[in-house]
Amino acid sequence: MTEIQATTPREAFELLLAGNQRFVSGAPAHPNQDATRRTEIAPSQRPFAVLFGCSDSRLAAEIIFDRGLGDLFVVRTAGHVMGPEVLGSIEYGVDILGCPLVVVLGHDSCGAVGAACAALEDGITPAGYVRDVVERVTPSVLAARAAGQVQPEEILAEHIRHTVDLLLDRSRVLAERVAAGQAAVVGLCYRLADGSARLVASRGLDTAVPTVS
């Protein structure tokens, strides 16, 4: 499979969407998954996107976007909640590896979002470090409800948008890249039943310019 090398946020985004469309249609191309690719990237990596998604087992990035070895720099946590390690990993992908696109990937029926909603309703939070995950999702649920958004898909979309904004607020490296037109951050919502990913948030995608190496 021959394709362009993604050097701009828009090109990277279109590669992802094209791969997702192949996955949804049941005709994946399985690019960059052979021995030749394995040998080619052994000395170094240059992924075209950072994917920060939920750890849900049904959200395997390279499968649902029909990509292969060396294509995506993947960071995953339950409910795509972030801490210093996540921010550092994403900054590594953008600043060191040169990824022009950062994707926040959420999905319907997210356990972390559901637990945060339940905790607000009954006042009971999970034990252990799961509580920390729930507490980090709670502001998104509160913001959605304050805006009159009470449906599960509305709350999920708000959580994805909140994560996108939080990334840019907390990471100066990422914010500067987006401001300079060298990177973009998008939020996608994945549907478990049909495998489709739709855009719910975009920062810098339409204003980015080609990077100069």
Protein backbone atom coordinates (compact mmCIF):
# COMPACT_ATOMS: atom_id res chain seq x y z
CA MET A 1 0.00 0.00 0.00
CA THR A 2 1.56 3.25 -1.15
CA GLU A 3 0.57 6.46 0.61
CA ILE A 4 1.85 9.95 1.30
CA GLN A 5 4.06 10.66 4.27
CA ALA A 6 1.99 12.70 6.70
CA THR A 7 3.87 15.89 7.51
CA THR A 8 0.94 18.17 8.36
CA PRO A 9 -1.89 17.79 10.88
CA ARG A 10 -4.44 17.63 8.07
CA GLU A 11 -2.58 14.87 6.22
CA ALA A 12 -2.22 12.88 9.45
CA PHE A 13 -5.90 13.34 10.24
CA GLU A 14 -6.96 12.21 6.78
CA LEU A 15 -4.76 9.10 7.05
CA LEU A 16 -6.49 8.20 10.31
CA LEU A 17 -9.97 8.77 8.90
CA ALA A 18 -9.20 6.74 5.79
CA GLY A 19 -7.98 3.85 7.93
CA ASN A 20 -11.06 4.02 10.15
CA GLN A 21 -13.31 3.96 7.09
CA ARG A 22 -11.57 0.82 5.86
CA PHE A 23 -12.05 -0.77 9.28
CA VAL A 24 -15.74 0.16 9.41
CA SER A 25 -16.36 -1.21 5.90
CA GLY A 26 -14.66 -4.50 6.75
CA ALA A 27 -11.89 -4.03 4.19
CA PRO A 28 -8.73 -3.24 6.19
CA ALA A 29 -5.47 -2.95 4.24
CA HIS A 30 -3.22 -3.81 7.21
CA PRO A 31 -0.47 -1.38 6.11
CA ASN A 32 3.02 -1.46 7.62
CA GLN A 33 2.53 -4.78 9.35
CA ASP A 34 5.04 -6.97 7.52
CA ALA A 35 8.67 -7.97 8.01
CA THR A 36 9.87 -5.25 5.64
CA ARG A 37 8.29 -2.55 7.77
CA ARG A 38 9.63 -4.15 10.94
CA THR A 39 13.17 -4.01 9.58
CA GLU A 40 12.73 -0.51 8.15
CA ILE A 41 11.79 1.12 11.46
CA ALA A 42 14.06 -0.87 13.76
CA PRO A 43 16.73 1.90 13.88
CA SER A 44 14.28 4.73 14.63
CA GLN A 45 10.63 5.70 14.71
CA ARG A 46 8.69 8.57 13.18
CA PRO A 47 4.98 8.11 13.88
CA PHE A 48 2.58 10.54 12.25
CA ALA A 49 0.22 10.93 15.22
CA VAL A 50 0.06 10.71 18.99
CA LEU A 51 -3.06 8.87 20.06
CA PHE A 52 -4.17 9.45 23.64
CA GLY A 53 -7.09 7.16 24.29
CA CYS A 54 -9.02 5.20 26.84
CA SER A 55 -7.52 1.88 27.93
CA ASP A 56 -10.71 -0.01 27.06
CA SER A 57 -9.83 -3.35 25.46
CA ARG A 58 -12.19 -2.63 22.57
CA LEU A 59 -10.23 0.47 21.56
CA ALA A 60 -7.06 -0.97 20.02
CA ALA A 61 -5.72 2.01 18.06
CA GLU A 62 -3.80 0.29 15.27
CA ILE A 63 -6.79 -1.96 14.54
CA ILE A 64 -9.61 0.58 14.48
CA PHE A 65 -7.54 3.00 12.38
CA ASP A 66 -6.04 0.24 10.21
CA ARG A 67 -2.44 1.25 10.83
CA GLY A 68 0.78 -0.64 11.50
CA LEU A 69 4.20 -0.61 13.09
CA GLY A 70 5.68 2.83 13.66
CA ASP A 71 2.55 4.74 12.62
CA LEU A 72 1.04 5.76 15.96
CA PHE A 73 2.57 6.80 19.28
CA VAL A 74 -0.07 5.47 21.65
CA VAL A 75 -0.75 6.58 25.23
CA ARG A 76 -3.73 5.06 27.04
CA THR A 77 -5.33 5.42 30.47
CA ALA A 78 -8.77 4.56 31.81
CA GLY A 79 -11.14 7.33 30.81
CA HIS A 80 -8.22 9.07 29.04
CA VAL A 81 -7.38 10.88 32.29
CA MET A 82 -4.00 12.53 32.49
CA GLY A 83 -1.14 13.06 34.90
CA PRO A 84 2.50 14.10 34.51
CA GLU A 85 3.49 10.81 32.89
CA VAL A 86 0.80 11.16 30.25
CA LEU A 87 1.70 14.77 29.52
CA GLY A 88 5.38 13.86 29.27
CA SER A 89 4.62 11.00 26.90
CA ILE A 90 2.49 13.19 24.64
CA GLU A 91 5.12 15.93 24.64
CA TYR A 92 7.73 13.33 23.71
CA GLY A 93 5.66 12.29 20.73
CA VAL A 94 5.19 15.87 19.56
CA ASP A 95 8.47 17.54 20.50
CA ILE A 96 10.97 14.70 20.08
CA LEU A 97 9.35 12.45 17.51
CA GLY A 98 7.78 15.31 15.54
CA CYS A 99 4.17 14.10 15.39
CA PRO A 100 2.01 16.83 13.81
CA LEU A 101 -1.24 15.52 15.28
CA VAL A 102 -2.49 14.61 18.75
CA VAL A 103 -5.75 12.68 18.99
CA VAL A 104 -7.86 12.31 22.13
CA LEU A 105 -9.95 9.17 21.64
CA GLY A 106 -13.01 8.50 23.78
CA HIS A 107 -15.80 6.00 23.26
CA ASP A 108 -19.41 5.29 24.15
CA SER A 109 -20.22 3.11 27.17
CA CYS A 110 -17.03 4.31 28.86
CA GLY A 111 -16.78 2.76 32.32
CA ALA A 112 -14.91 5.71 33.79
CA VAL A 113 -17.51 8.22 32.62
CA GLY A 114 -20.31 5.95 33.84
CA ALA A 115 -18.64 5.57 37.24
CA ALA A 116 -18.26 9.35 37.56
CA CYS A 117 -21.95 9.83 36.77
CA ALA A 118 -22.92 7.16 39.29
CA ALA A 119 -20.68 8.67 41.97
CA LEU A 120 -22.39 12.04 41.58
CA GLU A 121 -25.81 10.45 41.80
CA ASP A 122 -25.35 8.11 44.75
CA GLY A 123 -22.31 9.65 46.45
CA ILE A 124 -20.39 6.37 46.41
CA THR A 125 -16.96 6.33 44.79
CA PRO A 126 -14.81 3.27 44.01
CA ALA A 127 -11.98 2.23 46.29
CA GLY A 128 -8.26 2.40 45.65
CA TYR A 129 -6.77 4.27 42.73
CA VAL A 130 -9.89 3.76 40.67
CA ARG A 131 -11.29 6.62 42.75
CA ASP A 132 -8.57 8.88 41.34
CA VAL A 133 -9.68 8.06 37.81
CA VAL A 134 -13.31 8.80 38.64
CA GLU A 135 -12.43 12.08 40.34
CA ARG A 136 -10.54 13.24 37.23
CA VAL A 137 -13.54 12.54 35.02
CA THR A 138 -16.03 14.23 37.37
CA PRO A 139 -15.33 17.85 36.25
CA SER A 140 -16.35 16.90 32.71
CA VAL A 141 -19.62 15.42 33.95
CA LEU A 142 -20.35 18.50 36.05
CA ALA A 143 -19.59 20.82 33.11
CA ALA A 144 -21.90 18.84 30.84
CA ARG A 145 -24.74 18.92 33.34
CA ALA A 146 -24.25 22.65 33.94
CA ALA A 147 -24.71 23.14 30.19
CA GLY A 148 -27.88 21.05 30.20
CA GLN A 149 -26.20 18.07 28.58
CA VAL A 150 -27.47 14.96 30.34
CA GLN A 151 -27.48 12.27 27.66
CA PRO A 152 -24.56 9.80 27.80
CA GLU A 153 -23.26 10.81 24.37
CA GLU A 154 -23.37 14.49 25.35
CA ILE A 155 -21.46 13.86 28.55
CA LEU A 156 -18.87 11.79 26.69
CA ALA A 157 -18.39 14.52 24.06
CA GLU A 158 -17.89 17.08 26.83
CA HIS A 159 -15.29 14.85 28.49
CA ILE A 160 -13.40 14.53 25.21
CA ARG A 161 -13.51 18.30 24.64
CA HIS A 162 -12.43 18.90 28.22
CA THR A 163 -9.44 16.59 27.76
CA VAL A 164 -8.42 18.40 24.56
CA ASP A 165 -8.57 21.78 26.30
CA LEU A 166 -6.78 20.42 29.37
CA LEU A 167 -3.91 19.16 27.22
CA LEU A 168 -3.40 22.59 25.69
CA ASP A 169 -3.78 24.31 29.05
CA ARG A 170 -1.24 22.14 30.85
CA SER A 171 1.33 21.55 28.12
CA ARG A 172 3.16 24.67 27.02
CA VAL A 173 5.08 22.61 24.47
CA LEU A 174 1.88 21.46 22.81
CA ALA A 175 0.17 24.84 23.04
CA GLU A 176 3.12 26.56 21.39
CA ARG A 177 3.20 24.01 18.55
CA VAL A 178 -0.51 24.52 17.91
CA ALA A 179 -0.20 28.32 18.10
CA ALA A 180 2.65 28.19 15.59
CA GLY A 181 0.60 26.08 13.18
CA GLN A 182 2.93 23.11 13.55
CA ALA A 183 0.52 20.73 15.28
CA ALA A 184 -3.16 20.19 15.96
CA VAL A 185 -5.17 18.47 18.67
CA VAL A 186 -8.44 16.75 17.84
CA GLY A 187 -10.99 14.83 19.86
CA LEU A 188 -12.68 11.76 18.41
CA CYS A 189 -15.60 9.76 19.72
CA TYR A 190 -15.56 6.06 18.84
CA ARG A 191 -18.73 4.00 18.55
CA LEU A 192 -18.25 0.45 19.76
CA ALA A 193 -21.11 -1.03 17.73
CA ASP A 194 -20.11 0.11 14.24
CA GLY A 195 -16.43 1.02 14.74
CA SER A 196 -16.74 4.59 13.48
CA ALA A 197 -14.83 7.56 14.90
CA ARG A 198 -16.37 11.04 14.61
CA LEU A 199 -14.83 14.42 15.26
CA VAL A 200 -16.10 16.27 18.35
CA ALA A 201 -13.27 18.75 18.99
CA SER A 202 -10.55 20.40 16.93
CA ARG A 203 -7.82 22.82 17.91
CA GLY A 204 -5.52 24.07 15.16
CA LEU A 205 -6.44 21.53 12.49
CA ASP A 206 -7.54 24.10 9.92
CA THR A 207 -4.89 26.70 10.70
CA ALA A 208 -1.82 24.47 10.74
CA VAL A 209 0.93 24.90 8.18
CA PRO A 210 3.43 22.37 6.80
CA THR A 211 6.39 21.75 9.08
CA VAL A 212 9.87 22.52 7.82
CA SER A 213 12.52 19.91 8.59
